[in-house]
């Protein structure tokens, strides 16, 4: 099941005219980059890059408040969208 706001974001990324003009090598460069991205917010034709905080220990989305802590995989984000997904999956 795809939530409407996620569906819009995914459609913008996959149907963007700029996306179709990119080469496979450019896509590989994006995948290889060690960048943390928000799974909900889109910036152009990519998901928004999260801002590193506290020396890179955690990353925060300035738009939706999504929080990622790569060094703590057990951490569960409490932003509104993650909470909504948790409620759907219960």
N, C-alpha and C. Protein backbone atom coordinates (compact mmCIF):
# COMPACT_ATOMS: atom_id res chain seq x y z
N UNK A 1 0.84 -1.19 0.00
CA UNK A 1 0.00 0.00 0.00
C UNK A 1 0.88 1.25 0.00
N UNK A 2 0.61 2.16 -0.90
CA UNK A 2 1.39 3.40 -1.00
C UNK A 2 0.53 4.54 -0.47
N UNK A 3 1.08 5.29 0.46
CA UNK A 3 0.39 6.44 1.05
C UNK A 3 0.42 7.58 0.03
N UNK A 4 -0.68 8.34 -0.10
CA UNK A 4 -0.77 9.37 -1.15
C UNK A 4 0.41 10.32 -1.21
N UNK A 5 0.92 10.82 -0.07
CA UNK A 5 2.03 11.78 -0.14
C UNK A 5 3.29 11.11 -0.65
N UNK A 6 3.48 9.82 -0.35
CA UNK A 6 4.64 9.09 -0.85
C UNK A 6 4.49 8.84 -2.35
N UNK A 7 3.27 8.57 -2.78
CA UNK A 7 3.02 8.31 -4.19
C UNK A 7 3.35 9.53 -5.02
N UNK A 8 2.94 10.72 -4.55
CA UNK A 8 3.26 11.96 -5.28
C UNK A 8 4.76 12.15 -5.38
N UNK A 9 5.48 11.93 -4.27
CA UNK A 9 6.93 12.12 -4.27
C UNK A 9 7.60 11.14 -5.23
N UNK A 10 7.15 9.89 -5.21
CA UNK A 10 7.75 8.90 -6.10
C UNK A 10 7.46 9.23 -7.56
N UNK A 11 6.25 9.68 -7.86
CA UNK A 11 5.92 10.03 -9.23
C UNK A 11 6.75 11.20 -9.72
N UNK A 12 6.97 12.20 -8.86
CA UNK A 12 7.79 13.34 -9.27
C UNK A 12 9.20 12.89 -9.60
N UNK A 13 9.74 11.95 -8.83
CA UNK A 13 11.11 11.49 -9.07
C UNK A 13 11.18 10.68 -10.35
N UNK A 14 10.27 9.72 -10.51
CA UNK A 14 10.36 8.80 -11.63
C UNK A 14 9.84 9.37 -12.95
N UNK A 15 8.94 10.35 -12.90
CA UNK A 15 8.37 10.90 -14.12
C UNK A 15 8.99 12.24 -14.53
N UNK A 16 9.95 12.72 -13.77
CA UNK A 16 10.58 13.99 -14.08
C UNK A 16 11.30 13.92 -15.42
N UNK A 17 11.13 14.93 -16.30
CA UNK A 17 11.82 14.92 -17.59
C UNK A 17 13.34 14.88 -17.42
N UNK A 18 13.85 15.52 -16.37
CA UNK A 18 15.29 15.52 -16.13
C UNK A 18 15.79 14.11 -15.82
N UNK A 19 14.97 13.32 -15.17
CA UNK A 19 15.36 11.96 -14.81
C UNK A 19 15.60 11.12 -16.06
N UNK A 20 14.75 11.28 -17.08
CA UNK A 20 14.87 10.48 -18.30
C UNK A 20 16.12 10.83 -19.09
N UNK A 21 16.66 12.03 -18.92
CA UNK A 21 17.83 12.46 -19.67
C UNK A 21 19.13 12.03 -19.02
N UNK A 22 19.07 11.54 -17.81
CA UNK A 22 20.29 11.15 -17.10
C UNK A 22 20.82 9.84 -17.65
N UNK A 23 22.12 9.69 -17.63
CA UNK A 23 22.72 8.45 -18.10
C UNK A 23 22.87 7.47 -16.94
N UNK A 24 23.12 6.22 -17.27
CA UNK A 24 23.28 5.21 -16.23
C UNK A 24 24.49 5.52 -15.36
N UNK A 25 25.56 6.05 -15.93
CA UNK A 25 26.75 6.36 -15.15
C UNK A 25 26.46 7.45 -14.12
N UNK A 26 25.61 8.43 -14.47
CA UNK A 26 25.25 9.48 -13.52
C UNK A 26 24.45 8.89 -12.36
N UNK A 27 23.53 7.96 -12.66
CA UNK A 27 22.75 7.31 -11.61
C UNK A 27 23.66 6.52 -10.69
N UNK A 28 24.67 5.87 -11.22
CA UNK A 28 25.59 5.10 -10.40
C UNK A 28 26.38 6.00 -9.46
N UNK A 29 26.74 7.19 -9.94
CA UNK A 29 27.47 8.12 -9.09
C UNK A 29 26.61 8.54 -7.90
N UNK A 30 25.32 8.74 -8.12
CA UNK A 30 24.43 9.14 -7.04
C UNK A 30 24.30 8.01 -6.03
N UNK A 31 24.20 6.78 -6.50
CA UNK A 31 24.05 5.64 -5.61
C UNK A 31 25.32 5.42 -4.80
N UNK A 32 26.48 5.62 -5.41
CA UNK A 32 27.75 5.37 -4.72
C UNK A 32 28.08 6.44 -3.69
N UNK A 33 27.50 7.63 -3.83
CA UNK A 33 27.79 8.71 -2.89
C UNK A 33 27.31 8.32 -1.50
N UNK A 34 28.09 8.62 -0.50
CA UNK A 34 27.74 8.29 0.88
C UNK A 34 26.90 9.43 1.45
N UNK A 35 25.63 9.48 1.01
CA UNK A 35 24.73 10.57 1.36
C UNK A 35 23.49 9.98 2.01
N UNK A 36 23.00 10.62 3.07
CA UNK A 36 21.77 10.18 3.72
C UNK A 36 20.64 11.05 3.19
N UNK A 37 19.57 10.41 2.71
CA UNK A 37 18.47 11.14 2.09
C UNK A 37 17.16 10.87 2.83
N UNK A 38 16.25 11.85 2.76
CA UNK A 38 14.93 11.71 3.36
C UNK A 38 14.07 10.83 2.45
N UNK A 39 13.40 9.82 2.99
CA UNK A 39 12.56 8.96 2.15
C UNK A 39 11.23 9.61 1.77
N UNK A 40 10.95 10.79 2.30
CA UNK A 40 9.66 11.44 2.07
C UNK A 40 9.74 12.71 1.22
N UNK A 41 10.77 13.51 1.36
CA UNK A 41 10.85 14.82 0.70
C UNK A 41 11.69 14.75 -0.56
N UNK A 42 11.24 15.46 -1.61
CA UNK A 42 11.92 15.46 -2.89
C UNK A 42 12.47 16.85 -3.16
N UNK A 43 13.69 16.89 -3.67
CA UNK A 43 14.35 18.14 -4.05
C UNK A 43 14.77 17.99 -5.51
N UNK A 44 14.01 18.56 -6.42
CA UNK A 44 14.28 18.38 -7.85
C UNK A 44 13.87 16.99 -8.27
N UNK A 45 14.85 16.20 -8.77
CA UNK A 45 14.53 14.84 -9.19
C UNK A 45 15.17 13.79 -8.28
N UNK A 46 15.57 14.20 -7.08
CA UNK A 46 16.14 13.28 -6.10
C UNK A 46 15.48 13.49 -4.75
N UNK A 47 15.61 12.51 -3.89
CA UNK A 47 15.15 12.71 -2.53
C UNK A 47 16.08 13.68 -1.84
N UNK A 48 15.54 14.48 -0.94
CA UNK A 48 16.27 15.57 -0.27
C UNK A 48 17.41 15.01 0.59
N UNK A 49 18.57 15.66 0.51
CA UNK A 49 19.71 15.27 1.32
C UNK A 49 19.50 15.79 2.74
N UNK A 50 19.71 14.92 3.71
CA UNK A 50 19.54 15.31 5.12
C UNK A 50 20.77 16.05 5.62
N UNK A 51 20.56 16.98 6.53
CA UNK A 51 21.64 17.78 7.11
C UNK A 51 22.30 17.02 8.25
N UNK A 52 23.62 16.90 8.18
CA UNK A 52 24.37 16.21 9.24
C UNK A 52 24.39 17.08 10.49
N UNK A 53 24.15 16.46 11.61
CA UNK A 53 24.19 17.15 12.91
C UNK A 53 25.11 16.39 13.86
N UNK A 54 25.65 17.08 14.82
CA UNK A 54 26.48 16.49 15.87
C UNK A 54 27.62 15.66 15.27
N UNK A 55 28.32 16.25 14.32
CA UNK A 55 29.48 15.58 13.73
C UNK A 55 29.13 14.37 12.88
N UNK A 56 27.92 14.32 12.34
CA UNK A 56 27.51 13.21 11.49
C UNK A 56 26.93 12.02 12.24
N UNK A 57 26.67 12.21 13.54
CA UNK A 57 26.06 11.11 14.32
C UNK A 57 24.59 10.96 14.01
N UNK A 58 23.93 12.06 13.61
CA UNK A 58 22.53 12.00 13.22
C UNK A 58 22.26 13.00 12.12
N UNK A 59 21.20 12.73 11.35
CA UNK A 59 20.85 13.54 10.18
C UNK A 59 19.39 13.93 10.27
N UNK A 60 19.08 15.18 9.93
CA UNK A 60 17.73 15.72 10.08
C UNK A 60 17.25 16.35 8.78
N UNK A 61 15.99 16.07 8.42
CA UNK A 61 15.37 16.71 7.27
C UNK A 61 14.79 18.05 7.72
N UNK A 62 15.16 19.11 7.05
CA UNK A 62 14.69 20.44 7.43
C UNK A 62 13.23 20.67 7.06
N UNK A 63 12.66 19.83 6.18
CA UNK A 63 11.27 20.01 5.78
C UNK A 63 10.28 19.24 6.65
N UNK A 64 10.53 17.95 6.85
CA UNK A 64 9.54 17.12 7.56
C UNK A 64 9.98 16.69 8.95
N UNK A 65 11.25 16.91 9.29
CA UNK A 65 11.72 16.54 10.61
C UNK A 65 12.14 15.08 10.74
N UNK A 66 12.24 14.36 9.61
CA UNK A 66 12.68 12.96 9.66
C UNK A 66 14.10 12.90 10.20
N UNK A 67 14.35 11.98 11.12
CA UNK A 67 15.64 11.87 11.79
C UNK A 67 16.23 10.49 11.55
N UNK A 68 17.50 10.45 11.17
CA UNK A 68 18.21 9.19 10.93
C UNK A 68 19.46 9.18 11.78
N UNK A 69 19.69 8.04 12.45
CA UNK A 69 20.90 7.85 13.25
C UNK A 69 21.60 6.59 12.75
N UNK A 70 22.50 6.73 11.75
CA UNK A 70 23.15 5.56 11.16
C UNK A 70 23.93 4.71 12.16
N UNK A 71 24.47 5.33 13.20
CA UNK A 71 25.24 4.58 14.19
C UNK A 71 24.36 3.83 15.18
N UNK A 72 23.05 4.10 15.15
CA UNK A 72 22.11 3.43 16.05
C UNK A 72 20.96 2.85 15.23
N UNK A 73 21.14 1.67 14.64
CA UNK A 73 20.11 1.10 13.78
C UNK A 73 18.81 0.76 14.50
N UNK A 74 18.82 0.69 15.81
CA UNK A 74 17.61 0.38 16.58
C UNK A 74 16.72 1.62 16.76
N UNK A 75 17.25 2.82 16.45
CA UNK A 75 16.49 4.05 16.63
C UNK A 75 15.30 4.08 15.69
N UNK A 76 14.14 4.46 16.20
CA UNK A 76 12.92 4.60 15.39
C UNK A 76 12.54 6.07 15.37
N UNK A 77 12.49 6.64 14.17
CA UNK A 77 12.16 8.06 14.00
C UNK A 77 10.73 8.32 14.47
N UNK A 78 10.53 9.48 15.07
CA UNK A 78 9.21 9.87 15.58
C UNK A 78 8.61 11.03 14.79
N UNK A 79 9.08 11.25 13.55
CA UNK A 79 8.47 12.31 12.74
C UNK A 79 7.05 11.88 12.37
N UNK A 80 6.22 12.83 11.96
CA UNK A 80 4.80 12.56 11.69
C UNK A 80 4.61 11.48 10.64
N UNK A 81 5.42 11.47 9.62
CA UNK A 81 5.26 10.49 8.54
C UNK A 81 5.66 9.09 8.99
N UNK A 82 6.72 8.97 9.76
CA UNK A 82 7.12 7.65 10.27
C UNK A 82 6.08 7.11 11.25
N UNK A 83 5.55 7.97 12.10
CA UNK A 83 4.52 7.55 13.03
C UNK A 83 3.28 7.07 12.28
N UNK A 84 2.93 7.78 11.20
CA UNK A 84 1.79 7.38 10.39
C UNK A 84 2.02 5.99 9.76
N UNK A 85 3.22 5.75 9.27
CA UNK A 85 3.54 4.44 8.71
C UNK A 85 3.50 3.33 9.76
N UNK A 86 3.99 3.63 10.95
CA UNK A 86 3.94 2.65 12.05
C UNK A 86 2.50 2.30 12.41
N UNK A 87 1.63 3.29 12.40
CA UNK A 87 0.22 3.04 12.73
C UNK A 87 -0.46 2.19 11.67
N UNK A 88 -0.08 2.38 10.42
CA UNK A 88 -0.66 1.59 9.34
C UNK A 88 -0.20 0.14 9.43
N UNK A 89 1.06 -0.07 9.78
CA UNK A 89 1.64 -1.41 9.84
C UNK A 89 1.25 -2.21 11.07
N UNK A 90 0.61 -1.58 12.05
CA UNK A 90 0.25 -2.28 13.29
C UNK A 90 -0.91 -3.20 13.07
